[in-house]
Amino acid sequence: MILKSKTSASMKSSNLNSLDDGLNQKIVRMLQHDGRRPFKDIARELDISEGTVRNRVRLMKEAGALRIVAVVDPTEVRYEADAMIGIKVAPGRTVRQVSKRLGESRNVVYILWVTGRYDLLIEIVTNSASELHDFLEREIHGQLDIASSETMSGLRNFKNQFLLKFE
């Protein structure tokens, strides 16, 4: 069996689509503030060519490391009902199984596997209090894969930042 080592050129190009690359981090930071910012403006500020920016963004998108989407500021949207739910997964069930099931609901906007008192922390948003109650009855209470839960209703969202932190 012959093993081939990566050449330095292929090692460099494999990092071009990664968020571990310093230049990519700078490009992403700029796009986080304005996803529609022209590549020529980014290139000018970073003192690189527009083609470099275009290629870096394309490679990160192809690798699945970057998606450019519109995000509504959650602190400005007033849902009728917003809640965080701490969930303890039932014995014999896995966090992945419960996460997959709950993730199929359009009301679930956040699922985090956590340590401590709960196994999962989820956030749900609904357009009415009755829709929140229906969700709790249908998806949380009485489900065999959930041992216990605690629902914490949201009163006001002061900050919700989706920006990646580098360093």
C-alpha atoms as a PDB file:
ATOM      1  CA  MET A   1       0.000   0.000   0.000  1.00  0.00           C
ATOM      2  CA  ILE A   2       1.347   3.392  -0.954  1.00  0.00           C
ATOM      3  CA  LEU A   3       0.276   6.406   1.063  1.00  0.00           C
ATOM      4  CA  LYS A   4       0.412   9.773  -0.589  1.00  0.00           C
ATOM      5  CA  SER A   5       0.957  12.814   1.534  1.00  0.00           C
ATOM      6  CA  LYS A   6      -0.817  16.056   0.806  1.00  0.00           C
ATOM      7  CA  THR A   7       1.249  18.621  -0.975  1.00  0.00           C
ATOM      8  CA  SER A   8       1.534  22.032   0.595  1.00  0.00           C
ATOM      9  CA  ALA A   9      -0.583  23.457  -2.245  1.00  0.00           C
ATOM     10  CA  SER A  10      -3.427  21.000  -1.614  1.00  0.00           C
ATOM     11  CA  MET A  11      -3.201  21.627   2.134  1.00  0.00           C
ATOM     12  CA  LYS A  12      -3.536  25.360   1.540  1.00  0.00           C
ATOM     13  CA  SER A  13      -6.492  24.941  -0.823  1.00  0.00           C
ATOM     14  CA  SER A  14      -8.310  22.620   1.600  1.00  0.00           C
ATOM     15  CA  ASN A  15      -8.241  25.418   4.195  1.00  0.00           C
ATOM     16  CA  LEU A  16      -9.769  27.961   1.799  1.00  0.00           C
ATOM     17  CA  ASN A  17     -13.272  26.676   2.540  1.00  0.00           C
ATOM     18  CA  SER A  18     -12.810  26.557   6.316  1.00  0.00           C
ATOM     19  CA  LEU A  19     -13.812  28.985   9.029  1.00  0.00           C
ATOM     20  CA  ASP A  20     -10.418  28.200  10.603  1.00  0.00           C
ATOM     21  CA  ASP A  21      -8.806  30.410   7.963  1.00  0.00           C
ATOM     22  CA  GLY A  22      -8.163  33.984   9.175  1.00  0.00           C
ATOM     23  CA  LEU A  23      -9.100  35.639   5.879  1.00  0.00           C
ATOM     24  CA  ASN A  24     -12.345  33.650   5.718  1.00  0.00           C
ATOM     25  CA  GLN A  25     -13.170  34.800   9.246  1.00  0.00           C
ATOM     26  CA  LYS A  26     -12.756  38.429   8.205  1.00  0.00           C
ATOM     27  CA  ILE A  27     -14.964  37.910   5.150  1.00  0.00           C
ATOM     28  CA  VAL A  28     -17.640  36.164   7.231  1.00  0.00           C
ATOM     29  CA  ARG A  29     -17.599  38.923   9.871  1.00  0.00           C
ATOM     30  CA  MET A  30     -18.311  41.483   7.167  1.00  0.00           C
ATOM     31  CA  LEU A  31     -21.093  39.378   5.657  1.00  0.00           C
ATOM     32  CA  GLN A  32     -22.637  38.845   9.102  1.00  0.00           C
ATOM     33  CA  HIS A  33     -23.244  42.575   9.349  1.00  0.00           C
ATOM     34  CA  ASP A  34     -24.497  42.869   5.761  1.00  0.00           C
ATOM     35  CA  GLY A  35     -25.026  39.688   3.754  1.00  0.00           C
ATOM     36  CA  ARG A  36     -25.589  41.758   0.620  1.00  0.00           C
ATOM     37  CA  ARG A  37     -22.360  43.708   0.894  1.00  0.00           C
ATOM     38  CA  PRO A  38     -20.665  43.774  -2.526  1.00  0.00           C
ATOM     39  CA  PHE A  39     -17.573  41.611  -2.838  1.00  0.00           C
ATOM     40  CA  LYS A  40     -15.690  44.588  -4.307  1.00  0.00           C
ATOM     41  CA  ASP A  41     -16.268  46.536  -1.057  1.00  0.00           C
ATOM     42  CA  ILE A  42     -15.066  43.615   1.056  1.00  0.00           C
ATOM     43  CA  ALA A  43     -12.020  43.203  -1.214  1.00  0.00           C
ATOM     44  CA  ARG A  44     -11.179  46.896  -0.988  1.00  0.00           C
ATOM     45  CA  GLU A  45     -11.375  46.905   2.813  1.00  0.00           C
ATOM     46  CA  LEU A  46      -9.274  43.736   3.143  1.00  0.00           C
ATOM     47  CA  ASP A  47      -6.835  44.817   0.411  1.00  0.00           C
ATOM     48  CA  ILE A  48      -7.375  41.677  -1.658  1.00  0.00           C
ATOM     49  CA  SER A  49      -8.917  41.039  -5.074  1.00  0.00           C
ATOM     50  CA  GLU A  50     -12.652  40.787  -5.631  1.00  0.00           C
ATOM     51  CA  GLY A  51     -12.035  37.364  -7.206  1.00  0.00           C
ATOM     52  CA  THR A  52     -10.424  36.147  -3.984  1.00  0.00           C
ATOM     53  CA  VAL A  53     -13.506  37.152  -1.998  1.00  0.00           C
ATOM     54  CA  ARG A  54     -15.841  35.581  -4.566  1.00  0.00           C
ATOM     55  CA  ASN A  55     -13.835  32.315  -4.599  1.00  0.00           C
ATOM     56  CA  ARG A  56     -13.561  32.128  -0.807  1.00  0.00           C
ATOM     57  CA  VAL A  57     -17.306  32.664  -0.374  1.00  0.00           C
ATOM     58  CA  ARG A  58     -18.093  30.088  -3.087  1.00  0.00           C
ATOM     59  CA  LEU A  59     -15.777  27.492  -1.509  1.00  0.00           C
ATOM     60  CA  MET A  60     -17.219  28.040   1.983  1.00  0.00           C
ATOM     61  CA  LYS A  61     -20.760  27.717   0.596  1.00  0.00           C
ATOM     62  CA  GLU A  62     -19.890  24.531  -1.306  1.00  0.00           C
ATOM     63  CA  ALA A  63     -18.296  23.052   1.836  1.00  0.00           C
ATOM     64  CA  GLY A  64     -21.420  23.849   3.863  1.00  0.00           C
ATOM     65  CA  ALA A  65     -19.489  26.192   6.155  1.00  0.00           C
ATOM     66  CA  LEU A  66     -21.399  29.303   5.032  1.00  0.00           C
ATOM     67  CA  ARG A  67     -24.989  30.139   4.173  1.00  0.00           C
ATOM     68  CA  ILE A  68     -26.094  33.670   3.489  1.00  0.00           C
ATOM     69  CA  VAL A  69     -29.716  34.123   4.566  1.00  0.00           C
ATOM     70  CA  ALA A  70     -32.037  36.859   5.745  1.00  0.00           C
ATOM     71  CA  VAL A  71     -32.544  36.800   9.507  1.00  0.00           C
ATOM     72  CA  VAL A  72     -35.299  38.692  11.253  1.00  0.00           C
ATOM     73  CA  ASP A  73     -34.144  40.364  14.447  1.00  0.00           C
ATOM     74  CA  PRO A  74     -35.974  38.347  17.130  1.00  0.00           C
ATOM     75  CA  THR A  75     -35.835  41.267  19.559  1.00  0.00           C
ATOM     76  CA  GLU A  76     -38.049  43.250  17.186  1.00  0.00           C
ATOM     77  CA  VAL A  77     -40.589  40.511  16.452  1.00  0.00           C
ATOM     78  CA  ARG A  78     -43.388  40.257  18.970  1.00  0.00           C
ATOM     79  CA  TYR A  79     -44.669  36.702  19.121  1.00  0.00           C
ATOM     80  CA  GLU A  80     -47.742  36.148  21.200  1.00  0.00           C
ATOM     81  CA  ALA A  81     -46.064  33.241  22.962  1.00  0.00           C
ATOM     82  CA  ASP A  82     -42.371  32.456  23.294  1.00  0.00           C
ATOM     83  CA  ALA A  83     -41.059  29.831  25.681  1.00  0.00           C
ATOM     84  CA  MET A  84     -37.898  27.980  26.639  1.00  0.00           C
ATOM     85  CA  ILE A  85     -38.445  24.390  27.680  1.00  0.00           C
ATOM     86  CA  GLY A  86     -35.981  22.355  29.709  1.00  0.00           C
ATOM     87  CA  ILE A  87     -36.420  18.666  28.887  1.00  0.00           C
ATOM     88  CA  LYS A  88     -35.220  15.560  30.691  1.00  0.00           C
ATOM     89  CA  VAL A  89     -35.122  12.657  28.210  1.00  0.00           C
ATOM     90  CA  ALA A  90     -36.808   9.440  29.354  1.00  0.00           C
ATOM     91  CA  PRO A  91     -34.656   6.393  30.134  1.00  0.00           C
ATOM     92  CA  GLY A  92     -34.157   4.196  27.100  1.00  0.00           C
ATOM     93  CA  ARG A  93     -34.494   7.166  24.727  1.00  0.00           C
ATOM     94  CA  THR A  94     -31.711   9.276  23.293  1.00  0.00           C
ATOM     95  CA  VAL A  95     -31.217  13.006  23.065  1.00  0.00           C
ATOM     96  CA  ARG A  96     -30.909  12.636  19.286  1.00  0.00           C
ATOM     97  CA  GLN A  97     -34.261  10.837  19.025  1.00  0.00           C
ATOM     98  CA  VAL A  98     -36.104  13.511  21.004  1.00  0.00           C
ATOM     99  CA  SER A  99     -34.283  16.328  19.181  1.00  0.00           C
ATOM    100  CA  LYS A 100     -35.198  14.851  15.806  1.00  0.00           C
ATOM    101  CA  ARG A 101     -38.862  14.527  16.748  1.00  0.00           C
ATOM    102  CA  LEU A 102     -39.127  18.014  18.197  1.00  0.00           C
ATOM    103  CA  GLY A 103     -37.101  19.522  15.363  1.00  0.00           C
ATOM    104  CA  GLU A 104     -39.833  18.565  12.918  1.00  0.00           C
ATOM    105  CA  SER A 105     -42.176  21.119  14.500  1.00  0.00           C
ATOM    106  CA  ARG A 106     -42.313  24.530  12.812  1.00  0.00           C
ATOM    107  CA  ASN A 107     -42.698  26.094  16.269  1.00  0.00           C
ATOM    108  CA  VAL A 108     -39.325  24.845  17.522  1.00  0.00           C
ATOM    109  CA  VAL A 109     -36.655  27.385  16.598  1.00  0.00           C
ATOM    110  CA  TYR A 110     -33.783  26.263  18.824  1.00  0.00           C
ATOM    111  CA  ILE A 111     -32.605  22.936  20.240  1.00  0.00           C
ATOM    112  CA  LEU A 112     -29.499  22.646  22.402  1.00  0.00           C
ATOM    113  CA  TRP A 113     -28.097  19.551  24.106  1.00  0.00           C
ATOM    114  CA  VAL A 114     -27.035  20.767  27.552  1.00  0.00           C
ATOM    115  CA  THR A 115     -25.436  19.530  30.742  1.00  0.00           C
ATOM    116  CA  GLY A 116     -26.928  19.927  34.189  1.00  0.00           C
ATOM    117  CA  ARG A 117     -30.537  19.681  35.240  1.00  0.00           C
ATOM    118  CA  TYR A 118     -31.900  19.074  31.721  1.00  0.00           C
ATOM    119  CA  ASP A 119     -30.774  17.115  28.700  1.00  0.00           C
ATOM    120  CA  LEU A 120     -32.237  19.516  26.152  1.00  0.00           C
ATOM    121  CA  LEU A 121     -33.140  23.161  26.073  1.00  0.00           C
ATOM    122  CA  ILE A 122     -35.557  24.130  23.315  1.00  0.00           C
ATOM    123  CA  GLU A 123     -37.152  27.392  22.321  1.00  0.00           C
ATOM    124  CA  ILE A 124     -40.572  27.594  20.756  1.00  0.00           C
ATOM    125  CA  VAL A 125     -42.395  30.559  19.294  1.00  0.00           C
ATOM    126  CA  THR A 126     -46.074  30.617  18.470  1.00  0.00           C
ATOM    127  CA  ASN A 127     -48.595  33.135  17.218  1.00  0.00           C
ATOM    128  CA  SER A 128     -50.991  32.625  20.102  1.00  0.00           C
ATOM    129  CA  ALA A 129     -51.182  31.350  23.655  1.00  0.00           C
ATOM    130  CA  SER A 130     -53.562  28.598  22.534  1.00  0.00           C
ATOM    131  CA  GLU A 131     -51.018  27.466  19.933  1.00  0.00           C
ATOM    132  CA  LEU A 132     -48.409  27.277  22.725  1.00  0.00           C
ATOM    133  CA  HIS A 133     -50.780  25.194  24.868  1.00  0.00           C
ATOM    134  CA  ASP A 134     -51.544  22.892  21.925  1.00  0.00           C
ATOM    135  CA  PHE A 135     -47.824  22.392  21.304  1.00  0.00           C
ATOM    136  CA  LEU A 136     -47.168  21.534  24.955  1.00  0.00           C
ATOM    137  CA  GLU A 137     -50.029  19.026  25.054  1.00  0.00           C
ATOM    138  CA  ARG A 138     -49.178  17.450  21.700  1.00  0.00           C
ATOM    139  CA  GLU A 139     -45.359  17.449  21.729  1.00  0.00           C
ATOM    140  CA  ILE A 140     -44.240  17.572  25.383  1.00  0.00           C
ATOM    141  CA  HIS A 141     -46.749  16.367  27.973  1.00  0.00           C
ATOM    142  CA  GLY A 142     -47.594  12.696  27.819  1.00  0.00           C
ATOM    143  CA  GLN A 143     -44.834  11.839  25.340  1.00  0.00           C
ATOM    144  CA  LEU A 144     -43.062   8.606  26.257  1.00  0.00           C
ATOM    145  CA  ASP A 145     -39.640   9.940  25.244  1.00  0.00           C
ATOM    146  CA  ILE A 146     -39.791  12.823  27.754  1.00  0.00           C
ATOM    147  CA  ALA A 147     -39.368  12.066  31.464  1.00  0.00           C
ATOM    148  CA  SER A 148     -40.027  15.643  32.625  1.00  0.00           C
ATOM    149  CA  SER A 149     -40.025  19.208  31.407  1.00  0.00           C
ATOM    150  CA  GLU A 150     -40.125  22.757  32.666  1.00  0.00           C
ATOM    151  CA  THR A 151     -41.650  25.513  30.552  1.00  0.00           C
ATOM    152  CA  MET A 152     -40.388  29.048  31.044  1.00  0.00           C
ATOM    153  CA  SER A 153     -42.475  31.655  29.229  1.00  0.00           C
ATOM    154  CA  GLY A 154     -40.591  34.485  27.612  1.00  0.00           C
ATOM    155  CA  LEU A 155     -41.516  37.972  28.758  1.00  0.00           C
ATOM    156  CA  ARG A 156     -39.164  40.104  26.633  1.00  0.00           C
ATOM    157  CA  ASN A 157     -36.189  39.330  24.424  1.00  0.00           C
ATOM    158  CA  PHE A 158     -33.365  41.793  25.074  1.00  0.00           C
ATOM    159  CA  LYS A 159     -30.662  40.194  22.940  1.00  0.00           C
ATOM    160  CA  ASN A 160     -30.481  37.355  20.460  1.00  0.00           C
ATOM    161  CA  GLN A 161     -27.241  37.331  18.532  1.00  0.00           C
ATOM    162  CA  PHE A 162     -26.594  34.793  15.801  1.00  0.00           C
ATOM    163  CA  LEU A 163     -23.143  36.068  14.874  1.00  0.00           C
ATOM    164  CA  LEU A 164     -20.242  33.634  15.062  1.00  0.00           C
ATOM    165  CA  LYS A 165     -17.581  34.607  17.559  1.00  0.00           C
ATOM    166  CA  PHE A 166     -13.992  34.193  16.437  1.00  0.00           C
ATOM    167  CA  GLU A 167     -11.194  34.106  19.007  1.00  0.00           C
END
